[in-house]
Amino acid sequence: MLADTITPIRARAYALQGGLAMLVLVTLSAVNLNLIGTPLSFLFVPLILVYLWPRGADKVLSYCLLFGCGILFDVLTGTAIGFWALIFMTGLAVIQPTLMNREATFNVSWVGFITWMSIWAAILLGLNFISAKELDIVNFIIQICIAILVFPFVYAIRVYVRSLIISEAD
């Protein structure tokens, strides 16, 4: 099992690497662009990192870092405090990186992410029907599509940075 082969220090290092990457992505995702009168938001892009969270990361530290990044994202985007923290932590609990296939190819990871985003979209759309606030469905779908299209870039950056940090023996 993966958890048996990773030392506690290395597990904390993986969690800190994931937390630092999440902090950068949360900060960048808070920026909204206006392209030819169409607002573009990167609201769901941090979910890529939740999906790609390091496999051997310390669980408690991972949840603490995701909680902190979620609260920061709530403050930056103006959503209810705790909303994104709950989504990030629930997402990590559902994905459970330790159970993911280490040898998964990019295509398998991308299809898995698309499936995962579809499930989140269904949940959030379901919550929209019981909410008093109306959701802009078109903008919502555009944000999900942006996250799906950004996934290959985040994946490539993750693979590159991981190759710089971790030797082939790991």
C-alpha atoms as a PDB file:
ATOM      1  CA  MET A   1       0.000   0.000   0.000  1.00  0.00           C
ATOM      2  CA  LEU A   2       1.258   3.495  -0.827  1.00  0.00           C
ATOM      3  CA  ALA A   3       0.832   4.896   2.694  1.00  0.00           C
ATOM      4  CA  ASP A   4       3.174   2.221   4.065  1.00  0.00           C
ATOM      5  CA  THR A   5       6.044   3.254   1.804  1.00  0.00           C
ATOM      6  CA  ILE A   6       5.946   7.030   2.398  1.00  0.00           C
ATOM      7  CA  THR A   7       7.604   8.532   5.451  1.00  0.00           C
ATOM      8  CA  PRO A   8       5.624  11.062   7.529  1.00  0.00           C
ATOM      9  CA  ILE A   9       7.984  13.872   6.508  1.00  0.00           C
ATOM     10  CA  ARG A  10       7.548  13.079   2.816  1.00  0.00           C
ATOM     11  CA  ALA A  11       3.758  12.846   3.300  1.00  0.00           C
ATOM     12  CA  ARG A  12       3.742  16.324   4.851  1.00  0.00           C
ATOM     13  CA  ALA A  13       5.946  17.599   2.012  1.00  0.00           C
ATOM     14  CA  TYR A  14       3.451  16.262  -0.551  1.00  0.00           C
ATOM     15  CA  ALA A  15       0.600  17.965   1.286  1.00  0.00           C
ATOM     16  CA  LEU A  16       2.552  21.255   1.430  1.00  0.00           C
ATOM     17  CA  GLN A  17       3.322  21.027  -2.296  1.00  0.00           C
ATOM     18  CA  GLY A  18      -0.364  20.476  -3.033  1.00  0.00           C
ATOM     19  CA  GLY A  19      -1.304  23.333  -0.682  1.00  0.00           C
ATOM     20  CA  LEU A  20       1.171  25.734  -2.300  1.00  0.00           C
ATOM     21  CA  ALA A  21      -0.074  24.835  -5.772  1.00  0.00           C
ATOM     22  CA  MET A  22      -3.670  25.260  -4.579  1.00  0.00           C
ATOM     23  CA  LEU A  23      -2.856  28.672  -3.091  1.00  0.00           C
ATOM     24  CA  VAL A  24      -1.414  29.824  -6.424  1.00  0.00           C
ATOM     25  CA  LEU A  25      -4.346  28.440  -8.421  1.00  0.00           C
ATOM     26  CA  VAL A  26      -6.952  29.867  -6.034  1.00  0.00           C
ATOM     27  CA  THR A  27      -5.356  33.297  -6.313  1.00  0.00           C
ATOM     28  CA  LEU A  28      -5.208  33.123 -10.114  1.00  0.00           C
ATOM     29  CA  SER A  29      -8.763  31.741 -10.352  1.00  0.00           C
ATOM     30  CA  ALA A  30     -10.218  34.711  -8.528  1.00  0.00           C
ATOM     31  CA  VAL A  31      -9.492  36.867 -11.596  1.00  0.00           C
ATOM     32  CA  ASN A  32     -12.420  37.445 -13.948  1.00  0.00           C
ATOM     33  CA  LEU A  33     -11.937  38.369 -17.600  1.00  0.00           C
ATOM     34  CA  ASN A  34     -14.313  40.075 -19.984  1.00  0.00           C
ATOM     35  CA  LEU A  35     -13.854  38.787 -23.522  1.00  0.00           C
ATOM     36  CA  ILE A  36     -15.957  40.564 -26.149  1.00  0.00           C
ATOM     37  CA  GLY A  37     -18.697  41.313 -23.652  1.00  0.00           C
ATOM     38  CA  THR A  38     -18.726  37.757 -22.278  1.00  0.00           C
ATOM     39  CA  PRO A  39     -17.545  37.359 -18.699  1.00  0.00           C
ATOM     40  CA  LEU A  40     -15.061  34.512 -18.281  1.00  0.00           C
ATOM     41  CA  SER A  41     -14.525  33.133 -14.828  1.00  0.00           C
ATOM     42  CA  PHE A  42     -12.110  30.452 -13.682  1.00  0.00           C
ATOM     43  CA  LEU A  43     -14.203  29.568 -10.639  1.00  0.00           C
ATOM     44  CA  PHE A  44     -13.987  25.780 -11.029  1.00  0.00           C
ATOM     45  CA  VAL A  45     -10.295  25.583 -11.992  1.00  0.00           C
ATOM     46  CA  PRO A  46      -9.122  24.909  -8.385  1.00  0.00           C
ATOM     47  CA  LEU A  47     -11.121  21.677  -8.504  1.00  0.00           C
ATOM     48  CA  ILE A  48      -8.469  20.413 -10.931  1.00  0.00           C
ATOM     49  CA  LEU A  49      -5.943  20.444  -8.128  1.00  0.00           C
ATOM     50  CA  VAL A  50      -8.330  18.728  -5.754  1.00  0.00           C
ATOM     51  CA  TYR A  51      -8.666  16.003  -8.382  1.00  0.00           C
ATOM     52  CA  LEU A  52      -4.877  15.850  -8.915  1.00  0.00           C
ATOM     53  CA  TRP A  53      -3.985  16.060  -5.207  1.00  0.00           C
ATOM     54  CA  PRO A  54      -0.683  14.253  -4.402  1.00  0.00           C
ATOM     55  CA  ARG A  55      -1.285  10.572  -3.706  1.00  0.00           C
ATOM     56  CA  GLY A  56       0.927  10.215  -0.665  1.00  0.00           C
ATOM     57  CA  ALA A  57       0.008  13.491   1.033  1.00  0.00           C
ATOM     58  CA  ASP A  58      -0.703  13.605   4.757  1.00  0.00           C
ATOM     59  CA  LYS A  59      -4.512  13.500   5.097  1.00  0.00           C
ATOM     60  CA  VAL A  60      -4.937  15.817   8.077  1.00  0.00           C
ATOM     61  CA  LEU A  61      -2.570  18.453   6.696  1.00  0.00           C
ATOM     62  CA  SER A  62      -4.220  18.155   3.269  1.00  0.00           C
ATOM     63  CA  TYR A  63      -7.668  18.842   4.715  1.00  0.00           C
ATOM     64  CA  CYS A  64      -6.324  21.779   6.763  1.00  0.00           C
ATOM     65  CA  LEU A  65      -4.634  23.302   3.709  1.00  0.00           C
ATOM     66  CA  LEU A  66      -7.715  22.807   1.544  1.00  0.00           C
ATOM     67  CA  PHE A  67      -9.871  24.364   4.243  1.00  0.00           C
ATOM     68  CA  GLY A  68      -7.591  27.430   4.406  1.00  0.00           C
ATOM     69  CA  CYS A  69      -7.447  27.767   0.610  1.00  0.00           C
ATOM     70  CA  GLY A  70     -11.229  27.357   0.449  1.00  0.00           C
ATOM     71  CA  ILE A  71     -11.767  30.164   2.979  1.00  0.00           C
ATOM     72  CA  LEU A  72      -9.347  32.362   1.005  1.00  0.00           C
ATOM     73  CA  PHE A  73     -11.225  31.552  -2.215  1.00  0.00           C
ATOM     74  CA  ASP A  74     -14.519  32.444  -0.505  1.00  0.00           C
ATOM     75  CA  VAL A  75     -13.101  35.816   0.515  1.00  0.00           C
ATOM     76  CA  LEU A  76     -11.629  36.502  -2.950  1.00  0.00           C
ATOM     77  CA  THR A  77     -14.770  35.515  -4.852  1.00  0.00           C
ATOM     78  CA  GLY A  78     -17.368  36.841  -2.421  1.00  0.00           C
ATOM     79  CA  THR A  79     -19.131  33.535  -1.864  1.00  0.00           C
ATOM     80  CA  ALA A  80     -20.472  32.390   1.496  1.00  0.00           C
ATOM     81  CA  ILE A  81     -17.612  31.727   3.923  1.00  0.00           C
ATOM     82  CA  GLY A  82     -16.985  28.006   4.085  1.00  0.00           C
ATOM     83  CA  PHE A  83     -18.664  27.144   0.760  1.00  0.00           C
ATOM     84  CA  TRP A  84     -15.493  26.427  -1.226  1.00  0.00           C
ATOM     85  CA  ALA A  85     -13.728  24.981   1.822  1.00  0.00           C
ATOM     86  CA  LEU A  86     -16.545  22.442   2.088  1.00  0.00           C
ATOM     87  CA  ILE A  87     -16.434  21.684  -1.640  1.00  0.00           C
ATOM     88  CA  PHE A  88     -12.634  21.246  -1.643  1.00  0.00           C
ATOM     89  CA  MET A  89     -12.622  18.981   1.418  1.00  0.00           C
ATOM     90  CA  THR A  90     -15.617  16.951   0.222  1.00  0.00           C
ATOM     91  CA  GLY A  91     -13.993  16.615  -3.180  1.00  0.00           C
ATOM     92  CA  LEU A  92     -10.789  15.264  -1.662  1.00  0.00           C
ATOM     93  CA  ALA A  93     -12.748  12.848   0.519  1.00  0.00           C
ATOM     94  CA  VAL A  94     -14.606  11.532  -2.525  1.00  0.00           C
ATOM     95  CA  ILE A  95     -11.561  11.310  -4.808  1.00  0.00           C
ATOM     96  CA  GLN A  96      -9.233   9.738  -2.225  1.00  0.00           C
ATOM     97  CA  PRO A  97      -5.951  10.112  -4.130  1.00  0.00           C
ATOM     98  CA  THR A  98      -4.444   7.043  -2.430  1.00  0.00           C
ATOM     99  CA  LEU A  99      -6.941   4.841  -4.262  1.00  0.00           C
ATOM    100  CA  MET A 100      -6.185   6.297  -7.689  1.00  0.00           C
ATOM    101  CA  ASN A 101      -4.167   4.305 -10.200  1.00  0.00           C
ATOM    102  CA  ARG A 102      -0.550   5.459 -10.215  1.00  0.00           C
ATOM    103  CA  GLU A 103      -0.134   4.406 -13.837  1.00  0.00           C
ATOM    104  CA  ALA A 104      -3.180   6.296 -15.135  1.00  0.00           C
ATOM    105  CA  THR A 105      -2.500   7.988 -18.448  1.00  0.00           C
ATOM    106  CA  PHE A 106      -3.423  11.565 -19.235  1.00  0.00           C
ATOM    107  CA  ASN A 107      -6.520  10.480 -21.161  1.00  0.00           C
ATOM    108  CA  VAL A 108      -7.801   8.369 -18.278  1.00  0.00           C
ATOM    109  CA  SER A 109      -7.200  11.245 -15.856  1.00  0.00           C
ATOM    110  CA  TRP A 110      -8.948  13.732 -18.143  1.00  0.00           C
ATOM    111  CA  VAL A 111     -11.990  11.505 -18.650  1.00  0.00           C
ATOM    112  CA  GLY A 112     -12.095  10.919 -14.891  1.00  0.00           C
ATOM    113  CA  PHE A 113     -11.973  14.677 -14.289  1.00  0.00           C
ATOM    114  CA  ILE A 114     -14.743  15.309 -16.824  1.00  0.00           C
ATOM    115  CA  THR A 115     -16.891  12.681 -15.104  1.00  0.00           C
ATOM    116  CA  TRP A 116     -16.104  14.179 -11.694  1.00  0.00           C
ATOM    117  CA  MET A 117     -16.966  17.701 -12.917  1.00  0.00           C
ATOM    118  CA  SER A 118     -20.231  16.405 -14.380  1.00  0.00           C
ATOM    119  CA  ILE A 119     -21.168  14.997 -10.980  1.00  0.00           C
ATOM    120  CA  TRP A 120     -20.308  18.317  -9.271  1.00  0.00           C
ATOM    121  CA  ALA A 121     -22.328  20.195 -11.881  1.00  0.00           C
ATOM    122  CA  ALA A 122     -25.352  17.974 -11.261  1.00  0.00           C
ATOM    123  CA  ILE A 123     -25.046  18.487  -7.498  1.00  0.00           C
ATOM    124  CA  LEU A 124     -24.697  22.266  -7.810  1.00  0.00           C
ATOM    125  CA  LEU A 125     -27.574  22.479 -10.288  1.00  0.00           C
ATOM    126  CA  GLY A 126     -29.680  20.426  -7.888  1.00  0.00           C
ATOM    127  CA  LEU A 127     -28.808  22.812  -5.072  1.00  0.00           C
ATOM    128  CA  ASN A 128     -29.759  25.697  -7.368  1.00  0.00           C
ATOM    129  CA  PHE A 129     -33.346  24.474  -7.493  1.00  0.00           C
ATOM    130  CA  ILE A 130     -33.704  24.638  -3.712  1.00  0.00           C
ATOM    131  CA  SER A 131     -31.845  27.949  -3.433  1.00  0.00           C
ATOM    132  CA  ALA A 132     -33.516  31.339  -3.398  1.00  0.00           C
ATOM    133  CA  LYS A 133     -30.795  32.740  -5.655  1.00  0.00           C
ATOM    134  CA  GLU A 134     -31.089  32.132  -9.394  1.00  0.00           C
ATOM    135  CA  LEU A 135     -28.041  30.628 -11.133  1.00  0.00           C
ATOM    136  CA  ASP A 136     -26.974  31.784 -14.600  1.00  0.00           C
ATOM    137  CA  ILE A 137     -26.941  28.353 -16.264  1.00  0.00           C
ATOM    138  CA  VAL A 138     -25.044  29.463 -19.399  1.00  0.00           C
ATOM    139  CA  ASN A 139     -22.268  31.089 -17.374  1.00  0.00           C
ATOM    140  CA  PHE A 140     -22.175  28.036 -15.106  1.00  0.00           C
ATOM    141  CA  ILE A 141     -21.677  25.684 -18.082  1.00  0.00           C
ATOM    142  CA  ILE A 142     -19.012  27.996 -19.563  1.00  0.00           C
ATOM    143  CA  GLN A 143     -17.084  27.914 -16.262  1.00  0.00           C
ATOM    144  CA  ILE A 144     -17.182  24.114 -16.193  1.00  0.00           C
ATOM    145  CA  CYS A 145     -16.010  23.950 -19.817  1.00  0.00           C
ATOM    146  CA  ILE A 146     -13.153  26.333 -18.997  1.00  0.00           C
ATOM    147  CA  ALA A 147     -12.055  24.065 -16.138  1.00  0.00           C
ATOM    148  CA  ILE A 148     -12.179  21.027 -18.432  1.00  0.00           C
ATOM    149  CA  LEU A 149     -10.140  22.860 -21.099  1.00  0.00           C
ATOM    150  CA  VAL A 150      -7.574  24.125 -18.576  1.00  0.00           C
ATOM    151  CA  PHE A 151      -7.070  20.611 -17.142  1.00  0.00           C
ATOM    152  CA  PRO A 152      -4.388  19.559 -19.711  1.00  0.00           C
ATOM    153  CA  PHE A 153      -2.294  22.639 -18.919  1.00  0.00           C
ATOM    154  CA  VAL A 154      -2.479  22.124 -15.154  1.00  0.00           C
ATOM    155  CA  TYR A 155      -1.739  18.424 -15.644  1.00  0.00           C
ATOM    156  CA  ALA A 156       1.320  19.209 -17.798  1.00  0.00           C
ATOM    157  CA  ILE A 157       2.623  21.735 -15.273  1.00  0.00           C
ATOM    158  CA  ARG A 158       2.094  19.215 -12.471  1.00  0.00           C
ATOM    159  CA  VAL A 159       4.000  16.498 -14.364  1.00  0.00           C
ATOM    160  CA  TYR A 160       6.846  18.907 -15.149  1.00  0.00           C
ATOM    161  CA  VAL A 161       7.168  20.230 -11.597  1.00  0.00           C
ATOM    162  CA  ARG A 162       6.894  16.729 -10.171  1.00  0.00           C
ATOM    163  CA  SER A 163       9.734  15.581 -12.437  1.00  0.00           C
ATOM    164  CA  LEU A 164      11.874  18.430 -11.074  1.00  0.00           C
ATOM    165  CA  ILE A 165      11.095  17.663  -7.422  1.00  0.00           C
ATOM    166  CA  ILE A 166      10.834  13.873  -7.302  1.00  0.00           C
ATOM    167  CA  SER A 167      13.504  11.542  -8.644  1.00  0.00           C
ATOM    168  CA  GLU A 168      12.669   8.569 -10.837  1.00  0.00           C
ATOM    169  CA  ALA A 169      13.303   6.206  -7.918  1.00  0.00           C
ATOM    170  CA  ASP A 170      10.293   7.664  -6.048  1.00  0.00           C
END
